[in-house]
């Protein structure tokens, strides 16, 4: 959620940010709505004071004074009730509008919808044999089965079998070890979360269509462990001496993929259920830019170790999710399909999520909101896609990347 105090001080900053995003947010109307709410709040506080004074006068009044004192107290109470109801309506309206307003964007974020490639790392593999797509490879090797998964669950689900399943376990432990070396604490998170967790992380209300909800309980299946990790410290004041707090969450993730029909429907690129190791950081405001670079560098380290060529892409303003202030993706080269595929992302959400979730840190002078950041260590299925595509051999087998062999327990598929 945006900072209303900052909005009042510099509405033009927010107008420009919304313009860069292409977001249909009327900042002038929001400022007026906030102003009306604060006017009613001031009236409520004044009448509350009058009511308190009147009640005290009743308690002090003698018999002759009591009727008049009671009359003033009733009058103040009636005015207070009406204003309190008006205040509640104004607050609900303000919160509803604020809930849909995205974060500010970093000054260097590309305007519009065209992402910017910062660098390409690793040589694209060359071959003297016909390259295959990951789904062809997976089917021929018997490690990916989407046809039988469709019988069980419908489209966009998959069985990983045999060495395909072992490759998932290897990737998870490999990623966990890598991020632990950088100070991240591993966490297995709950995947069913309350609505506040979804709203607090900024996925509601804008991405509600992407989310699975349970039929009988007020619980939602999280699309990323970012949601439970961010919400873990809801309404807490974190010790500044412990910051940054760095977590690595592992979970299955669930997304409806609404509006993406016909896109990446083959293989295991865009599934309704997938597994991921997600990095998440709580830090103070002075640390967040540095932490963003830290997360990105770890993502690069992981894909360099997996011997997968990739490029670093800065996401344009119109492509940013609502909570993100700045975002980078890694896109892996898929030689079998001759295209780039997003395999990680990392976002600096500044204090947008912590304001919704009530997460602060105490400094020497006061408490202030923490900043939150997230980044993919390994999105398992997409990492498998990149490995199959880049490490395929002429005889139809797959060479396991050297760094992954100790975790897999085998050298080829």
Foldseek 3Di string as FASTA:
>chain_A
DDDVVVCVVCVVLLVVQCQLQVHPADSVVLNVLVVVLVVLVVVLVVLVVQLVVLVVCCVVDDPVCNVVSVVSNVVSVVVNVVSVVVNVVSVVVSCVSVLPFFDGADPPFAGDFDWDFDDWDADADDDPAQFAALLVLCVVVVQKDQPVVCVVPRFQDIHGDDLSVLLLQLLVVLLVVLVVVVVAAEDEFDQKDAPLLCSLVSCPPPVPVFWDADDPDRITGAQDCVSVVLLVQFQHADAQVCPWHKYWYKDKGATPCPPQPPPPRPDNQGHRIFIFTKMKIWHAQVCQVVVQVVQVVSLVVLVVQQNWIWIKIWGGSNPDRRQFRTKIFIWTQQQNVRDTHTWKMKGWSQQRSCVSRVYWYQDPPGIDGITMMMMTSGRRRVVSSRQCRRQADPVSKGAGRPSSCVSSVDGID
